Each structure stands twice: as C-alpha cells, then as structure tokens.
Amino acid sequence: MKYGPVGGRVWLRTRREGACAVVEVADEGPGIPQGQLERLLQPFQRGAGTQGVRGAGLGLTLVMAIAEQHGGRLRLEKAPEGGLLARLELPEENRR
C-alpha cells in the first residue's frame, strides 16, 4: 500500500506446503529490479524512488531475522501481478 499506486491492490495468501506454513504478500506496484532484491534484506536499505516516503528500511530485515530465529526464511521475488512478492516460510513446530 505504501509503495504501490494509489488505489492499487495487495494480496495476502496463506497455505500449507508440506511441513511449512507459507505466507505471501504481493502487490501490483512498480516492483523491484531483480539485482536489488537481496539488498533490500539488509538493514537500512530501501528501494529506488522511495525518497520522501516514511520508513527506515528495517521492516524486511526484521521479518527475515524473526523467520530465521524460528527456522524459516523470507524470499523476495517478482509478483505475478507485476510488483513485489514477499514469501515467508515457517516450519511446523517440532512436536514430541
């Protein structure tokens, strides 16, 4: 919502894939060039053209750190809708 076009749509998808819970958030915004996706997972990094938009560049870094603490991962890629797709994968909790 913050980076996409005014009135643009955002999709939230959840599902189970094997032993993982998957949460995907996608938008129809301008997207991020493939070469910049990994950089956005670093602290204080933001996409081009975000000057003047509030934020510190920590959101994706925090999501990734929390996911990793729980044995999961965060991936960024181009969304089928044209914008960014953030895919969070969290493993099922070990049960004894």
N, C-alpha and C. Protein backbone atom coordinates (compact mmCIF):
# COMPACT_ATOMS: atom_id res chain seq x y z
N MET A 1 0.83 -1.19 0.00
CA MET A 1 0.00 0.00 0.00
C MET A 1 0.88 1.25 0.00
N LYS A 2 1.96 1.18 0.71
CA LYS A 2 2.83 2.34 0.88
C LYS A 2 3.58 2.69 -0.41
N TYR A 3 4.01 1.68 -1.17
CA TYR A 3 4.85 1.93 -2.33
C TYR A 3 4.13 1.74 -3.67
N GLY A 4 2.96 1.15 -3.65
CA GLY A 4 2.23 0.90 -4.88
C GLY A 4 1.43 2.10 -5.34
N PRO A 5 0.74 1.96 -6.44
CA PRO A 5 -0.07 3.07 -6.96
C PRO A 5 -1.28 3.34 -6.06
N VAL A 6 -1.74 4.57 -6.06
CA VAL A 6 -2.94 4.92 -5.30
C VAL A 6 -4.09 4.06 -5.79
N GLY A 7 -4.79 3.41 -4.89
CA GLY A 7 -5.88 2.53 -5.26
C GLY A 7 -5.41 1.15 -5.70
N GLY A 8 -4.10 0.91 -5.62
CA GLY A 8 -3.55 -0.39 -6.02
C GLY A 8 -3.97 -1.49 -5.06
N ARG A 9 -3.84 -2.72 -5.52
CA ARG A 9 -4.25 -3.86 -4.72
C ARG A 9 -3.05 -4.57 -4.10
N VAL A 10 -3.30 -5.21 -2.97
CA VAL A 10 -2.32 -6.04 -2.27
C VAL A 10 -3.00 -7.37 -2.00
N TRP A 11 -2.26 -8.47 -2.21
CA TRP A 11 -2.80 -9.81 -1.97
C TRP A 11 -2.07 -10.45 -0.81
N LEU A 12 -2.81 -11.12 0.03
CA LEU A 12 -2.27 -11.91 1.12
C LEU A 12 -2.73 -13.34 0.90
N ARG A 13 -1.78 -14.25 0.80
CA ARG A 13 -2.11 -15.66 0.58
C ARG A 13 -1.46 -16.48 1.68
N THR A 14 -2.19 -17.42 2.21
CA THR A 14 -1.63 -18.34 3.19
C THR A 14 -1.94 -19.76 2.75
N ARG A 15 -1.03 -20.67 3.06
CA ARG A 15 -1.26 -22.07 2.74
C ARG A 15 -0.23 -22.92 3.45
N ARG A 16 -0.43 -24.19 3.39
CA ARG A 16 0.50 -25.16 3.95
C ARG A 16 1.18 -25.85 2.78
N GLU A 17 2.50 -25.93 2.84
CA GLU A 17 3.28 -26.66 1.83
C GLU A 17 4.14 -27.66 2.59
N GLY A 18 3.75 -28.92 2.55
CA GLY A 18 4.48 -29.94 3.31
C GLY A 18 4.42 -29.61 4.79
N ALA A 19 5.59 -29.50 5.41
CA ALA A 19 5.67 -29.21 6.84
C ALA A 19 5.86 -27.72 7.11
N CYS A 20 5.58 -26.87 6.13
CA CYS A 20 5.75 -25.42 6.30
C CYS A 20 4.43 -24.67 6.14
N ALA A 21 4.31 -23.61 6.93
CA ALA A 21 3.26 -22.63 6.72
C ALA A 21 3.86 -21.56 5.81
N VAL A 22 3.13 -21.16 4.80
CA VAL A 22 3.62 -20.16 3.85
C VAL A 22 2.67 -18.96 3.88
N VAL A 23 3.25 -17.78 4.00
CA VAL A 23 2.50 -16.53 3.93
C VAL A 23 3.13 -15.72 2.80
N GLU A 24 2.32 -15.30 1.85
CA GLU A 24 2.80 -14.48 0.74
C GLU A 24 2.04 -13.16 0.71
N VAL A 25 2.78 -12.09 0.51
CA VAL A 25 2.19 -10.77 0.33
C VAL A 25 2.69 -10.26 -1.01
N ALA A 26 1.78 -9.90 -1.89
CA ALA A 26 2.14 -9.43 -3.23
C ALA A 26 1.38 -8.14 -3.52
N ASP A 27 1.96 -7.33 -4.39
CA ASP A 27 1.29 -6.10 -4.80
C ASP A 27 1.44 -5.90 -6.30
N GLU A 28 0.76 -4.90 -6.79
CA GLU A 28 0.84 -4.58 -8.22
C GLU A 28 1.60 -3.28 -8.43
N GLY A 29 2.48 -2.97 -7.50
CA GLY A 29 3.29 -1.76 -7.60
C GLY A 29 4.34 -1.87 -8.70
N PRO A 30 5.31 -0.98 -8.68
CA PRO A 30 6.32 -0.94 -9.74
C PRO A 30 7.31 -2.10 -9.69
N GLY A 31 7.36 -2.81 -8.58
CA GLY A 31 8.30 -3.92 -8.45
C GLY A 31 9.71 -3.44 -8.15
N ILE A 32 10.60 -4.38 -7.96
CA ILE A 32 11.99 -4.10 -7.64
C ILE A 32 12.85 -4.84 -8.67
N PRO A 33 13.84 -4.19 -9.25
CA PRO A 33 14.72 -4.89 -10.19
C PRO A 33 15.37 -6.11 -9.51
N GLN A 34 15.48 -7.21 -10.25
CA GLN A 34 16.00 -8.47 -9.72
C GLN A 34 17.31 -8.29 -8.96
N GLY A 35 18.20 -7.47 -9.46
CA GLY A 35 19.50 -7.26 -8.83
C GLY A 35 19.46 -6.54 -7.50
N GLN A 36 18.32 -5.94 -7.16
CA GLN A 36 18.21 -5.19 -5.90
C GLN A 36 17.47 -5.94 -4.81
N LEU A 37 16.87 -7.08 -5.13
CA LEU A 37 16.04 -7.78 -4.15
C LEU A 37 16.81 -8.19 -2.90
N GLU A 38 17.98 -8.79 -3.05
CA GLU A 38 18.76 -9.23 -1.89
C GLU A 38 19.23 -8.05 -1.04
N ARG A 39 19.53 -6.94 -1.70
CA ARG A 39 19.98 -5.75 -0.97
C ARG A 39 18.90 -5.25 -0.02
N LEU A 40 17.64 -5.41 -0.39
CA LEU A 40 16.55 -4.92 0.45
C LEU A 40 16.40 -5.69 1.75
N LEU A 41 17.07 -6.82 1.85
CA LEU A 41 17.03 -7.59 3.10
C LEU A 41 18.10 -7.14 4.08
N GLN A 42 18.93 -6.17 3.68
CA GLN A 42 19.96 -5.63 4.55
C GLN A 42 19.40 -4.43 5.31
N PRO A 43 19.88 -4.22 6.56
CA PRO A 43 19.38 -3.09 7.36
C PRO A 43 19.57 -1.75 6.66
N PHE A 44 18.56 -0.91 6.77
CA PHE A 44 18.56 0.48 6.30
C PHE A 44 18.63 0.62 4.78
N GLN A 45 18.32 -0.43 4.06
CA GLN A 45 18.29 -0.36 2.59
C GLN A 45 16.84 -0.22 2.13
N ARG A 46 16.65 0.65 1.17
CA ARG A 46 15.32 0.89 0.62
C ARG A 46 15.40 0.90 -0.89
N GLY A 47 14.26 0.69 -1.52
CA GLY A 47 14.21 0.67 -2.97
C GLY A 47 14.40 2.05 -3.57
N ALA A 48 14.80 2.06 -4.83
CA ALA A 48 14.96 3.33 -5.55
C ALA A 48 13.61 4.04 -5.62
N GLY A 49 13.64 5.34 -5.57
CA GLY A 49 12.41 6.12 -5.69
C GLY A 49 11.59 6.20 -4.42
N THR A 50 12.18 5.85 -3.27
CA THR A 50 11.41 5.89 -2.02
C THR A 50 11.76 7.12 -1.18
N GLN A 51 12.51 8.05 -1.75
CA GLN A 51 12.80 9.27 -1.03
C GLN A 51 11.49 9.99 -0.76
N GLY A 52 11.37 10.53 0.42
CA GLY A 52 10.15 11.23 0.78
C GLY A 52 9.05 10.33 1.32
N VAL A 53 9.27 9.01 1.29
CA VAL A 53 8.31 8.06 1.86
C VAL A 53 8.83 7.67 3.23
N ARG A 54 7.98 7.76 4.24
CA ARG A 54 8.40 7.43 5.60
C ARG A 54 8.90 6.00 5.70
N GLY A 55 9.91 5.78 6.52
CA GLY A 55 10.43 4.45 6.77
C GLY A 55 11.94 4.49 6.93
N ALA A 56 12.47 3.44 7.57
CA ALA A 56 13.90 3.39 7.84
C ALA A 56 14.59 2.24 7.12
N GLY A 57 13.85 1.41 6.42
CA GLY A 57 14.48 0.29 5.74
C GLY A 57 14.79 -0.87 6.66
N LEU A 58 13.97 -1.06 7.68
CA LEU A 58 14.20 -2.16 8.63
C LEU A 58 13.14 -3.25 8.59
N GLY A 59 12.01 -2.99 7.98
CA GLY A 59 10.89 -3.94 8.02
C GLY A 59 11.24 -5.33 7.50
N LEU A 60 11.77 -5.41 6.29
CA LEU A 60 12.10 -6.72 5.71
C LEU A 60 13.24 -7.39 6.47
N THR A 61 14.19 -6.59 6.95
CA THR A 61 15.30 -7.14 7.73
C THR A 61 14.78 -7.79 9.01
N LEU A 62 13.85 -7.14 9.67
CA LEU A 62 13.28 -7.69 10.90
C LEU A 62 12.48 -8.95 10.63
N VAL A 63 11.68 -8.95 9.58
CA VAL A 63 10.91 -10.15 9.22
C VAL A 63 11.85 -11.32 8.95
N MET A 64 12.93 -11.06 8.20
CA MET A 64 13.89 -12.12 7.89
C MET A 64 14.56 -12.64 9.16
N ALA A 65 14.97 -11.76 10.05
CA ALA A 65 15.63 -12.18 11.29
C ALA A 65 14.71 -13.03 12.16
N ILE A 66 13.46 -12.63 12.28
CA ILE A 66 12.50 -13.39 13.09
C ILE A 66 12.23 -14.74 12.44
N ALA A 67 12.08 -14.77 11.12
CA ALA A 67 11.86 -16.04 10.43
C ALA A 67 13.03 -16.99 10.67
N GLU A 68 14.24 -16.48 10.54
CA GLU A 68 15.42 -17.33 10.73
C GLU A 68 15.53 -17.84 12.16
N GLN A 69 15.13 -17.04 13.13
CA GLN A 69 15.14 -17.47 14.53
C GLN A 69 14.20 -18.65 14.77
N HIS A 70 13.21 -18.79 13.90
CA HIS A 70 12.23 -19.87 14.02
C HIS A 70 12.46 -20.95 12.96
N GLY A 71 13.63 -20.96 12.35
CA GLY A 71 13.96 -21.98 11.36
C GLY A 71 13.34 -21.76 9.99
N GLY A 72 12.84 -20.56 9.76
CA GLY A 72 12.19 -20.26 8.48
C GLY A 72 13.05 -19.38 7.60
N ARG A 73 12.42 -18.85 6.56
CA ARG A 73 13.14 -17.96 5.66
C ARG A 73 12.18 -17.00 4.98
N LEU A 74 12.74 -15.92 4.47
CA LEU A 74 12.00 -14.92 3.73
C LEU A 74 12.65 -14.79 2.36
N ARG A 75 11.84 -14.84 1.32
CA ARG A 75 12.33 -14.68 -0.05
C ARG A 75 11.57 -13.54 -0.71
N LEU A 76 12.25 -12.79 -1.54
CA LEU A 76 11.64 -11.72 -2.32
C LEU A 76 11.77 -12.06 -3.79
N GLU A 77 10.71 -11.81 -4.54
CA GLU A 77 10.75 -12.07 -5.99
C GLU A 77 9.71 -11.21 -6.68
N LYS A 78 9.71 -11.25 -7.99
CA LYS A 78 8.72 -10.51 -8.77
C LYS A 78 7.36 -11.20 -8.62
N ALA A 79 6.33 -10.42 -8.33
CA ALA A 79 4.99 -10.96 -8.18
C ALA A 79 4.34 -11.19 -9.54
N PRO A 80 3.50 -12.21 -9.66
CA PRO A 80 2.77 -12.41 -10.91
C PRO A 80 1.95 -11.17 -11.30
N GLU A 81 1.54 -10.40 -10.30
CA GLU A 81 0.75 -9.20 -10.53
C GLU A 81 1.61 -8.04 -11.01
N GLY A 82 2.94 -8.21 -11.00
CA GLY A 82 3.84 -7.19 -11.51
C GLY A 82 4.69 -6.49 -10.47
N GLY A 83 4.28 -6.51 -9.23
CA GLY A 83 5.03 -5.83 -8.17
C GLY A 83 5.96 -6.78 -7.44
N LEU A 84 6.03 -6.61 -6.14
CA LEU A 84 6.90 -7.41 -5.29
C LEU A 84 6.10 -8.53 -4.63
N LEU A 85 6.73 -9.69 -4.49
CA LEU A 85 6.17 -10.81 -3.75
C LEU A 85 7.12 -11.13 -2.62
N ALA A 86 6.66 -11.04 -1.38
CA ALA A 86 7.43 -11.44 -0.20
C ALA A 86 6.84 -12.77 0.26
N ARG A 87 7.69 -13.79 0.33
CA ARG A 87 7.25 -15.14 0.69
C ARG A 87 7.92 -15.55 1.99
N LEU A 88 7.14 -15.75 3.03
CA LEU A 88 7.61 -16.16 4.34
C LEU A 88 7.29 -17.64 4.53
N GLU A 89 8.30 -18.44 4.81
CA GLU A 89 8.12 -19.88 5.03
C GLU A 89 8.54 -20.20 6.47
N LEU A 90 7.62 -20.78 7.22
CA LEU A 90 7.90 -21.16 8.61
C LEU A 90 7.63 -22.64 8.78
N PRO A 91 8.62 -23.38 9.33
CA PRO A 91 8.43 -24.82 9.50
C PRO A 91 7.44 -25.13 10.62
N GLU A 92 6.81 -26.28 10.49
CA GLU A 92 5.92 -26.74 11.54
C GLU A 92 6.73 -26.95 12.80
N GLU A 93 6.16 -26.58 13.91
CA GLU A 93 6.84 -26.75 15.21
C GLU A 93 7.07 -28.23 15.47
N ASN A 94 8.26 -28.57 15.97
CA ASN A 94 8.53 -29.97 16.34
C ASN A 94 7.67 -30.36 17.51
N ARG A 95 6.97 -31.44 17.37
CA ARG A 95 6.11 -31.91 18.45
C ARG A 95 6.65 -33.21 18.99
N ARG A 96 6.65 -33.35 20.29
CA ARG A 96 7.17 -34.57 20.91
C ARG A 96 6.06 -35.43 21.43
